[in-house]
Amino acid sequence: MRIGRIRQVLPSFPESMQWKGFVAPLCAMSDEKIRETGLALGIPCSVINGFSFPEAGLAVRIIGEVTREKVEILRRADTVFLEEISRANLKNQPGQCFAVLSDMKSVGVMGDFRTYDYAVILRAVVTADFVTAKASELPWEVLFSATNRIVNEVNGINRVLYDCTGRPTAAIEWC
């Protein structure tokens, strides 16, 4: 049944191709077609709308050199942010939300010690088509909770910023 739906969304999907559970290459498809295909495959909306396609995962959300340490820091911060968005059960859910690890470090204080750690940028947008978007007006309680959890639970981050820039002007993704 799903392969039939995929052929409806992607008429160029070859009849002779045997379904193996993976469709490639996605890089030749538009974001909209990839999302339609994901829905046809039964992939949850939270996964489909969480990423811009085709991308290299979290690596595109790291400003500067990509290292294992930075990927882990970003993964943990992103998870906290998505948990707080989900927990808030917002009436107007963002179309896409994520964290970006900046290459900027700042001085902070954790307990009795000074820190010199990264700043993370949180981004949430409302969009109907992923061509235009505006910053999601998240309640302060959600941003405050996400910020507190990130700086307390994610080693390597001591500052949290929120990106209010719309698209056009700024792309939805940072990189």
N, C-alpha and C. Protein backbone atom coordinates (compact mmCIF):
# COMPACT_ATOMS: atom_id res chain seq x y z
N MET A 1 0.82 -1.20 0.00
CA MET A 1 0.00 0.00 0.00
C MET A 1 0.86 1.26 0.00
N ARG A 2 1.91 1.31 0.82
CA ARG A 2 2.73 2.50 0.88
C ARG A 2 3.45 2.77 -0.43
N ILE A 3 3.94 1.71 -1.10
CA ILE A 3 4.65 1.93 -2.36
C ILE A 3 3.71 2.55 -3.39
N GLY A 4 2.44 2.20 -3.36
CA GLY A 4 1.47 2.81 -4.26
C GLY A 4 1.32 4.29 -3.97
N ARG A 5 1.29 4.65 -2.68
CA ARG A 5 1.19 6.06 -2.28
C ARG A 5 2.45 6.82 -2.69
N ILE A 6 3.61 6.18 -2.56
CA ILE A 6 4.84 6.83 -2.97
C ILE A 6 4.81 7.10 -4.47
N ARG A 7 4.31 6.18 -5.24
CA ARG A 7 4.24 6.39 -6.70
C ARG A 7 3.24 7.51 -7.04
N GLN A 8 2.23 7.73 -6.19
CA GLN A 8 1.32 8.85 -6.41
C GLN A 8 2.04 10.18 -6.18
N VAL A 9 2.83 10.22 -5.10
CA VAL A 9 3.57 11.44 -4.76
C VAL A 9 4.73 11.65 -5.72
N LEU A 10 5.40 10.55 -6.09
CA LEU A 10 6.57 10.59 -6.97
C LEU A 10 6.30 9.75 -8.21
N PRO A 11 5.62 10.31 -9.20
CA PRO A 11 5.28 9.53 -10.38
C PRO A 11 6.50 8.96 -11.10
N SER A 12 7.67 9.57 -10.91
CA SER A 12 8.87 9.09 -11.59
C SER A 12 9.52 7.91 -10.88
N PHE A 13 8.96 7.47 -9.75
CA PHE A 13 9.51 6.32 -9.03
C PHE A 13 9.43 5.10 -9.95
N PRO A 14 10.55 4.48 -10.30
CA PRO A 14 10.55 3.41 -11.31
C PRO A 14 9.73 2.19 -10.90
N GLU A 15 8.91 1.71 -11.84
CA GLU A 15 8.10 0.51 -11.61
C GLU A 15 8.98 -0.69 -11.32
N SER A 16 10.14 -0.74 -11.97
CA SER A 16 11.01 -1.91 -11.84
C SER A 16 11.79 -1.93 -10.53
N MET A 17 11.81 -0.81 -9.82
CA MET A 17 12.59 -0.74 -8.58
C MET A 17 11.90 -1.51 -7.47
N GLN A 18 12.61 -2.42 -6.85
CA GLN A 18 12.07 -3.21 -5.75
C GLN A 18 12.13 -2.39 -4.47
N TRP A 19 11.05 -2.40 -3.73
CA TRP A 19 10.98 -1.65 -2.48
C TRP A 19 11.84 -2.34 -1.43
N LYS A 20 12.83 -1.63 -0.91
CA LYS A 20 13.73 -2.15 0.11
C LYS A 20 13.63 -1.35 1.41
N GLY A 21 12.68 -0.41 1.48
CA GLY A 21 12.51 0.38 2.68
C GLY A 21 13.32 1.66 2.69
N PHE A 22 13.92 2.01 1.56
CA PHE A 22 14.73 3.21 1.51
C PHE A 22 14.58 3.85 0.13
N VAL A 23 14.35 5.14 0.09
CA VAL A 23 14.23 5.87 -1.17
C VAL A 23 15.40 6.82 -1.28
N ALA A 24 16.16 6.73 -2.37
CA ALA A 24 17.31 7.60 -2.58
C ALA A 24 17.41 7.89 -4.05
N PRO A 25 17.96 8.96 -4.48
CA PRO A 25 18.53 10.01 -3.64
C PRO A 25 17.49 11.07 -3.30
N LEU A 26 17.46 11.49 -2.06
CA LEU A 26 16.55 12.55 -1.64
C LEU A 26 17.07 13.92 -2.05
N CYS A 27 18.37 14.01 -2.32
CA CYS A 27 18.95 15.31 -2.61
C CYS A 27 18.40 15.94 -3.88
N ALA A 28 17.78 15.15 -4.76
CA ALA A 28 17.22 15.69 -6.00
C ALA A 28 15.78 16.15 -5.81
N MET A 29 15.23 15.97 -4.61
CA MET A 29 13.84 16.30 -4.36
C MET A 29 13.71 17.59 -3.55
N SER A 30 12.59 18.25 -3.72
CA SER A 30 12.31 19.46 -2.93
C SER A 30 11.91 19.06 -1.52
N ASP A 31 12.01 20.01 -0.59
CA ASP A 31 11.60 19.76 0.79
C ASP A 31 10.16 19.27 0.83
N GLU A 32 9.30 19.92 0.06
CA GLU A 32 7.88 19.57 0.06
C GLU A 32 7.65 18.12 -0.37
N LYS A 33 8.34 17.68 -1.42
CA LYS A 33 8.19 16.30 -1.90
C LYS A 33 8.73 15.30 -0.89
N ILE A 34 9.82 15.65 -0.23
CA ILE A 34 10.37 14.75 0.79
C ILE A 34 9.39 14.62 1.95
N ARG A 35 8.79 15.73 2.37
CA ARG A 35 7.80 15.66 3.45
C ARG A 35 6.58 14.84 3.03
N GLU A 36 6.11 15.02 1.81
CA GLU A 36 4.98 14.23 1.31
C GLU A 36 5.33 12.75 1.31
N THR A 37 6.53 12.43 0.88
CA THR A 37 6.97 11.03 0.85
C THR A 37 7.05 10.47 2.26
N GLY A 38 7.60 11.25 3.19
CA GLY A 38 7.68 10.81 4.58
C GLY A 38 6.31 10.53 5.17
N LEU A 39 5.33 11.41 4.87
CA LEU A 39 3.97 11.18 5.36
C LEU A 39 3.39 9.90 4.75
N ALA A 40 3.65 9.69 3.45
CA ALA A 40 3.17 8.48 2.78
C ALA A 40 3.78 7.22 3.39
N LEU A 41 4.99 7.34 3.91
CA LEU A 41 5.65 6.20 4.55
C LEU A 41 5.20 6.00 5.99
N GLY A 42 4.42 6.95 6.51
CA GLY A 42 3.95 6.84 7.88
C GLY A 42 4.92 7.38 8.91
N ILE A 43 5.88 8.18 8.48
CA ILE A 43 6.83 8.78 9.41
C ILE A 43 6.11 9.88 10.19
N PRO A 44 6.25 9.94 11.50
CA PRO A 44 5.53 10.94 12.30
C PRO A 44 5.84 12.38 11.88
N CYS A 45 4.83 13.23 11.96
CA CYS A 45 5.00 14.65 11.60
C CYS A 45 6.11 15.31 12.42
N SER A 46 6.28 14.90 13.67
CA SER A 46 7.32 15.50 14.51
C SER A 46 8.71 15.26 13.93
N VAL A 47 8.90 14.14 13.25
CA VAL A 47 10.19 13.86 12.61
C VAL A 47 10.28 14.60 11.29
N ILE A 48 9.24 14.55 10.50
CA ILE A 48 9.25 15.17 9.17
C ILE A 48 9.43 16.68 9.26
N ASN A 49 8.78 17.32 10.21
CA ASN A 49 8.85 18.77 10.31
C ASN A 49 10.02 19.26 11.13
N GLY A 50 10.77 18.35 11.71
CA GLY A 50 11.90 18.74 12.55
C GLY A 50 13.15 19.06 11.78
N PHE A 51 13.19 18.75 10.50
CA PHE A 51 14.41 18.91 9.73
C PHE A 51 14.12 19.56 8.39
N SER A 52 15.11 20.26 7.89
CA SER A 52 15.05 20.78 6.54
C SER A 52 15.81 19.78 5.67
N PHE A 53 15.26 19.44 4.53
CA PHE A 53 15.83 18.39 3.69
C PHE A 53 16.38 18.98 2.42
N PRO A 54 17.35 18.39 1.74
CA PRO A 54 18.24 17.38 2.31
C PRO A 54 19.35 18.07 3.10
N GLU A 55 19.67 17.55 4.21
CA GLU A 55 20.67 18.16 5.08
C GLU A 55 21.57 17.08 5.67
N ALA A 56 22.58 17.51 6.35
CA ALA A 56 23.55 16.59 6.95
C ALA A 56 23.30 16.43 8.44
N GLY A 57 22.03 16.49 8.84
CA GLY A 57 21.70 16.31 10.24
C GLY A 57 22.18 17.46 11.09
N LEU A 58 22.63 17.15 12.29
CA LEU A 58 23.04 18.18 13.24
C LEU A 58 24.27 18.96 12.79
N ALA A 59 25.09 18.39 11.93
CA ALA A 59 26.33 19.06 11.52
C ALA A 59 26.07 20.42 10.90
N VAL A 60 24.94 20.59 10.19
CA VAL A 60 24.66 21.88 9.57
C VAL A 60 24.22 22.91 10.59
N ARG A 61 23.97 22.47 11.80
CA ARG A 61 23.54 23.38 12.86
C ARG A 61 24.67 23.68 13.84
N ILE A 62 25.89 23.45 13.39
CA ILE A 62 27.07 23.77 14.19
C ILE A 62 27.87 24.81 13.41
N ILE A 63 28.04 25.99 14.00
CA ILE A 63 28.81 27.05 13.37
C ILE A 63 30.28 26.78 13.68
N GLY A 64 31.11 26.77 12.65
CA GLY A 64 32.53 26.51 12.85
C GLY A 64 32.85 25.04 12.67
N GLU A 65 33.97 24.63 13.25
CA GLU A 65 34.43 23.25 13.13
C GLU A 65 33.45 22.27 13.77
N VAL A 66 33.18 21.18 13.07
CA VAL A 66 32.29 20.15 13.60
C VAL A 66 33.15 19.07 14.27
N THR A 67 32.89 18.85 15.55
CA THR A 67 33.61 17.81 16.31
C THR A 67 32.57 16.93 16.99
N ARG A 68 33.01 15.76 17.43
CA ARG A 68 32.11 14.87 18.17
C ARG A 68 31.57 15.55 19.42
N GLU A 69 32.43 16.28 20.11
CA GLU A 69 32.01 16.98 21.32
C GLU A 69 30.89 17.99 21.02
N LYS A 70 31.07 18.77 19.96
CA LYS A 70 30.05 19.76 19.60
C LYS A 70 28.75 19.10 19.16
N VAL A 71 28.85 18.00 18.42
CA VAL A 71 27.64 17.28 17.99
C VAL A 71 26.87 16.80 19.22
N GLU A 72 27.58 16.27 20.20
CA GLU A 72 26.92 15.78 21.42
C GLU A 72 26.30 16.92 22.21
N ILE A 73 26.99 18.05 22.33
CA ILE A 73 26.44 19.22 23.03
C ILE A 73 25.17 19.66 22.33
N LEU A 74 25.23 19.79 21.01
CA LEU A 74 24.06 20.24 20.25
C LEU A 74 22.91 19.23 20.34
N ARG A 75 23.22 17.95 20.23
CA ARG A 75 22.18 16.92 20.31
C ARG A 75 21.43 17.03 21.63
N ARG A 76 22.16 17.22 22.71
CA ARG A 76 21.52 17.30 24.02
C ARG A 76 20.70 18.58 24.16
N ALA A 77 21.23 19.71 23.70
CA ALA A 77 20.48 20.98 23.77
C ALA A 77 19.22 20.91 22.90
N ASP A 78 19.35 20.36 21.70
CA ASP A 78 18.22 20.23 20.79
C ASP A 78 17.13 19.34 21.40
N THR A 79 17.54 18.26 22.03
CA THR A 79 16.58 17.35 22.67
C THR A 79 15.81 18.06 23.77
N VAL A 80 16.50 18.82 24.60
CA VAL A 80 15.84 19.57 25.68
C VAL A 80 14.84 20.55 25.09
N PHE A 81 15.24 21.30 24.07
CA PHE A 81 14.35 22.28 23.46
C PHE A 81 13.10 21.61 22.90
N LEU A 82 13.28 20.53 22.15
CA LEU A 82 12.14 19.82 21.57
C LEU A 82 11.23 19.23 22.66
N GLU A 83 11.81 18.75 23.76
CA GLU A 83 11.01 18.24 24.87
C GLU A 83 10.16 19.35 25.48
N GLU A 84 10.74 20.52 25.65
CA GLU A 84 10.00 21.64 26.24
C GLU A 84 8.89 22.13 25.31
N ILE A 85 9.15 22.16 24.02
CA ILE A 85 8.11 22.54 23.05
C ILE A 85 6.96 21.52 23.11
N SER A 86 7.32 20.25 23.12
CA SER A 86 6.32 19.18 23.17
C SER A 86 5.53 19.24 24.48
N ARG A 87 6.21 19.41 25.58
CA ARG A 87 5.58 19.46 26.90
C ARG A 87 4.60 20.62 27.02
N ALA A 88 4.89 21.72 26.34
CA ALA A 88 4.05 22.91 26.43
C ALA A 88 2.69 22.73 25.77
N ASN A 89 2.60 21.75 24.86
CA ASN A 89 1.33 21.48 24.18
C ASN A 89 0.72 22.78 23.63
N LEU A 90 1.50 23.48 22.84
CA LEU A 90 1.11 24.80 22.33
C LEU A 90 -0.07 24.71 21.36
N LYS A 91 -0.90 25.73 21.41
CA LYS A 91 -2.04 25.80 20.49
C LYS A 91 -1.54 25.93 19.05
N ASN A 92 -0.55 26.80 18.84
CA ASN A 92 0.05 26.98 17.52
C ASN A 92 1.46 26.40 17.53
N GLN A 93 1.57 25.12 17.19
CA GLN A 93 2.87 24.45 17.17
C GLN A 93 3.76 25.06 16.10
N PRO A 94 5.04 25.25 16.40
CA PRO A 94 5.97 25.72 15.36
C PRO A 94 6.05 24.70 14.23
N GLY A 95 6.26 25.20 13.01
CA GLY A 95 6.43 24.31 11.87
C GLY A 95 7.78 23.62 11.92
N GLN A 96 8.75 24.29 12.53
CA GLN A 96 10.08 23.71 12.68
C GLN A 96 10.73 24.37 13.89
N CYS A 97 11.43 23.58 14.70
CA CYS A 97 12.14 24.14 15.84
C CYS A 97 13.40 23.32 16.08
N PHE A 98 14.46 24.01 16.47
CA PHE A 98 15.75 23.34 16.63
C PHE A 98 16.72 24.26 17.36
N ALA A 99 17.85 23.69 17.73
CA ALA A 99 18.93 24.45 18.35
C ALA A 99 20.11 24.52 17.37
N VAL A 100 20.87 25.61 17.47
CA VAL A 100 22.09 25.81 16.67
C VAL A 100 23.22 26.08 17.66
N LEU A 101 24.33 25.39 17.49
CA LEU A 101 25.48 25.63 18.36
C LEU A 101 26.37 26.67 17.71
N SER A 102 26.50 27.82 18.36
CA SER A 102 27.35 28.88 17.82
C SER A 102 28.82 28.57 18.07
N ASP A 103 29.67 29.31 17.42
CA ASP A 103 31.11 29.17 17.64
C ASP A 103 31.56 30.20 18.68
N MET A 104 30.59 30.90 19.26
CA MET A 104 30.86 31.97 20.22
C MET A 104 30.87 31.39 21.64
N LYS A 105 31.85 31.79 22.40
CA LYS A 105 31.91 31.40 23.81
C LYS A 105 31.78 32.65 24.66
N SER A 106 31.25 32.44 25.86
CA SER A 106 31.12 33.57 26.77
C SER A 106 31.41 33.12 28.20
N VAL A 107 31.67 34.11 29.04
CA VAL A 107 31.96 33.84 30.45
C VAL A 107 30.64 33.66 31.18
N GLY A 108 30.61 32.68 32.06
CA GLY A 108 29.45 32.42 32.89
C GLY A 108 29.90 31.93 34.25
N VAL A 109 28.95 31.63 35.10
CA VAL A 109 29.25 31.11 36.43
C VAL A 109 28.35 29.91 36.68
N MET A 110 28.96 28.80 37.06
CA MET A 110 28.22 27.59 37.43
C MET A 110 28.70 27.21 38.83
N GLY A 111 27.81 27.34 39.79
CA GLY A 111 28.21 27.11 41.17
C GLY A 111 29.19 28.19 41.59
N ASP A 112 30.35 27.78 42.07
CA ASP A 112 31.37 28.74 42.50
C ASP A 112 32.46 28.95 41.46
N PHE A 113 32.23 28.44 40.25
CA PHE A 113 33.29 28.47 39.24
C PHE A 113 32.87 29.27 38.01
N ARG A 114 33.85 29.95 37.43
CA ARG A 114 33.63 30.65 36.16
C ARG A 114 33.72 29.63 35.04
N THR A 115 32.92 29.85 34.02
CA THR A 115 32.97 28.97 32.85
C THR A 115 33.23 29.81 31.61
N TYR A 116 33.72 29.17 30.60
CA TYR A 116 33.92 29.80 29.29
C TYR A 116 33.38 28.79 28.29
N ASP A 117 32.08 28.87 28.04
CA ASP A 117 31.39 27.86 27.26
C ASP A 117 30.62 28.48 26.09
N TYR A 118 30.04 27.59 25.28
CA TYR A 118 29.33 28.00 24.06
C TYR A 118 27.98 28.64 24.35
N ALA A 119 27.55 29.44 23.39
CA ALA A 119 26.18 29.96 23.35
C ALA A 119 25.42 29.11 22.34
N VAL A 120 24.21 28.75 22.69
CA VAL A 120 23.34 28.01 21.77
C VAL A 120 22.19 28.93 21.37
N ILE A 121 21.77 28.81 20.12
CA ILE A 121 20.67 29.61 19.60
C ILE A 121 19.48 28.71 19.38
N LEU A 122 18.33 29.08 19.93
CA LEU A 122 17.10 28.33 19.71
C LEU A 122 16.31 29.01 18.60
N ARG A 123 15.71 28.20 17.73
CA ARG A 123 14.94 28.75 16.60
C ARG A 123 13.66 27.96 16.48
N ALA A 124 12.54 28.66 16.38
CA ALA A 124 11.24 28.05 16.13
C ALA A 124 10.51 28.97 15.16
N VAL A 125 9.96 28.38 14.11
CA VAL A 125 9.27 29.18 13.11
C VAL A 125 7.88 28.63 12.83
N VAL A 126 7.01 29.53 12.43
CA VAL A 126 5.68 29.18 11.97
C VAL A 126 5.69 29.38 10.47
N THR A 127 5.27 28.36 9.74
CA THR A 127 5.30 28.44 8.28
C THR A 127 4.23 27.53 7.69
N ALA A 128 3.72 27.93 6.55
CA ALA A 128 2.76 27.09 5.84
C ALA A 128 3.43 26.37 4.68
N ASP A 129 4.54 26.93 4.19
CA ASP A 129 5.13 26.39 2.96
C ASP A 129 6.65 26.22 3.02
N PHE A 130 7.30 26.60 4.09
CA PHE A 130 8.75 26.54 4.26
C PHE A 130 9.50 27.44 3.26
N VAL A 131 8.77 28.29 2.56
CA VAL A 131 9.38 29.29 1.68
C VAL A 131 9.42 30.62 2.44
N THR A 132 8.35 30.91 3.16
CA THR A 132 8.32 32.07 4.04
C THR A 132 8.06 31.55 5.46
N ALA A 133 8.50 32.30 6.43
CA ALA A 133 8.30 31.90 7.82
C ALA A 133 8.45 33.10 8.73
N LYS A 134 7.83 33.02 9.89
CA LYS A 134 8.05 34.05 10.91
C LYS A 134 8.42 33.33 12.19
N ALA A 135 9.13 34.03 13.03
CA ALA A 135 9.54 33.45 14.31
C ALA A 135 8.29 33.10 15.11
N SER A 136 8.32 31.94 15.71
CA SER A 136 7.22 31.51 16.57
C SER A 136 7.24 32.33 17.85
N GLU A 137 6.10 32.85 18.23
CA GLU A 137 6.01 33.63 19.47
C GLU A 137 5.79 32.68 20.63
N LEU A 138 6.88 32.01 21.01
CA LEU A 138 6.80 31.05 22.10
C LEU A 138 6.52 31.76 23.42
N PRO A 139 5.71 31.16 24.26
CA PRO A 139 5.49 31.76 25.58
C PRO A 139 6.81 31.84 26.36
N TRP A 140 6.94 32.91 27.15
CA TRP A 140 8.16 33.10 27.92
C TRP A 140 8.43 31.90 28.82
N GLU A 141 7.38 31.29 29.36
CA GLU A 141 7.56 30.14 30.26
C GLU A 141 8.28 29.00 29.54
N VAL A 142 7.98 28.80 28.25
CA VAL A 142 8.63 27.73 27.48
C VAL A 142 10.10 28.06 27.26
N LEU A 143 10.38 29.30 26.85
CA LEU A 143 11.76 29.71 26.62
C LEU A 143 12.56 29.69 27.93
N PHE A 144 11.95 30.15 29.01
CA PHE A 144 12.62 30.17 30.30
C PHE A 144 12.94 28.76 30.77
N SER A 145 11.98 27.85 30.64
CA SER A 145 12.19 26.46 31.06
C SER A 145 13.27 25.79 30.20
N ALA A 146 13.20 25.99 28.89
CA ALA A 146 14.21 25.40 27.99
C ALA A 146 15.59 25.96 28.32
N THR A 147 15.68 27.26 28.54
CA THR A 147 16.96 27.89 28.87
C THR A 147 17.53 27.33 30.17
N ASN A 148 16.73 27.28 31.21
CA ASN A 148 17.20 26.75 32.50
C ASN A 148 17.66 25.31 32.38
N ARG A 149 16.90 24.49 31.68
CA ARG A 149 17.29 23.09 31.53
C ARG A 149 18.58 22.96 30.73
N ILE A 150 18.71 23.73 29.65
CA ILE A 150 19.90 23.61 28.80
C ILE A 150 21.15 23.99 29.59
N VAL A 151 21.14 25.15 30.25
CA VAL A 151 22.36 25.56 30.96
C VAL A 151 22.66 24.68 32.16
N ASN A 152 21.65 24.03 32.74
CA ASN A 152 21.87 23.16 33.90
C ASN A 152 22.14 21.71 33.53
N GLU A 153 21.64 21.26 32.37
CA GLU A 153 21.77 19.85 32.01
C GLU A 153 22.79 19.57 30.91
N VAL A 154 23.17 20.59 30.15
CA VAL A 154 24.07 20.36 29.01
C VAL A 154 25.43 20.99 29.30
N ASN A 155 26.41 20.15 29.58
CA ASN A 155 27.76 20.65 29.80
C ASN A 155 28.29 21.27 28.50
N GLY A 156 28.91 22.44 28.63
CA GLY A 156 29.49 23.10 27.46
C GLY A 156 28.68 24.29 26.98
N ILE A 157 27.52 24.53 27.60
CA ILE A 157 26.68 25.68 27.22
C ILE A 157 26.41 26.51 28.47
N ASN A 158 26.64 27.83 28.36
CA ASN A 158 26.30 28.70 29.48
C ASN A 158 25.47 29.92 29.05
N ARG A 159 25.04 29.93 27.80
CA ARG A 159 24.22 31.05 27.33
C ARG A 159 23.26 30.53 26.27
N VAL A 160 21.98 31.02 26.33
CA VAL A 160 20.95 30.60 25.38
C VAL A 160 20.33 31.85 24.77
N LEU A 161 20.27 31.85 23.45
CA LEU A 161 19.69 32.97 22.69
C LEU A 161 18.49 32.45 21.89
N TYR A 162 17.54 33.35 21.57
CA TYR A 162 16.39 32.97 20.75
C TYR A 162 16.39 33.81 19.48
N ASP A 163 16.32 33.15 18.33
CA ASP A 163 16.36 33.80 17.02
C ASP A 163 14.94 34.22 16.62
N CYS A 164 14.72 35.52 16.47
CA CYS A 164 13.41 36.07 16.11
C CYS A 164 13.32 36.51 14.66
N THR A 165 14.28 36.13 13.84
CA THR A 165 14.34 36.60 12.45
C THR A 165 13.40 35.78 11.57
N GLY A 166 12.68 36.49 10.69
CA GLY A 166 11.77 35.81 9.77
C GLY A 166 12.46 35.45 8.47
N ARG A 167 11.70 34.74 7.63
CA ARG A 167 12.17 34.40 6.30
C ARG A 167 11.12 34.91 5.33
N PRO A 168 11.45 35.73 4.32
CA PRO A 168 12.81 36.09 3.93
C PRO A 168 13.48 37.04 4.93
N THR A 169 14.61 37.33 4.73
CA THR A 169 15.68 38.00 5.45
C THR A 169 16.64 36.91 5.87
N ALA A 170 16.21 36.00 6.71
CA ALA A 170 17.07 34.89 7.12
C ALA A 170 16.44 33.58 6.65
N ALA A 171 17.26 32.64 6.25
CA ALA A 171 16.76 31.30 5.92
C ALA A 171 16.28 30.66 7.23
N ILE A 172 15.47 29.63 7.11
CA ILE A 172 15.02 28.94 8.31
C ILE A 172 16.22 28.32 9.01
N GLU A 173 17.04 27.61 8.25
CA GLU A 173 18.26 27.02 8.81
C GLU A 173 19.34 28.10 8.92
N TRP A 174 20.35 27.85 9.73
CA TRP A 174 21.43 28.81 9.92
C TRP A 174 22.53 28.64 8.91
N CYS A 175 22.77 27.43 8.49
CA CYS A 175 23.91 27.18 7.59
C CYS A 175 23.45 26.77 6.21
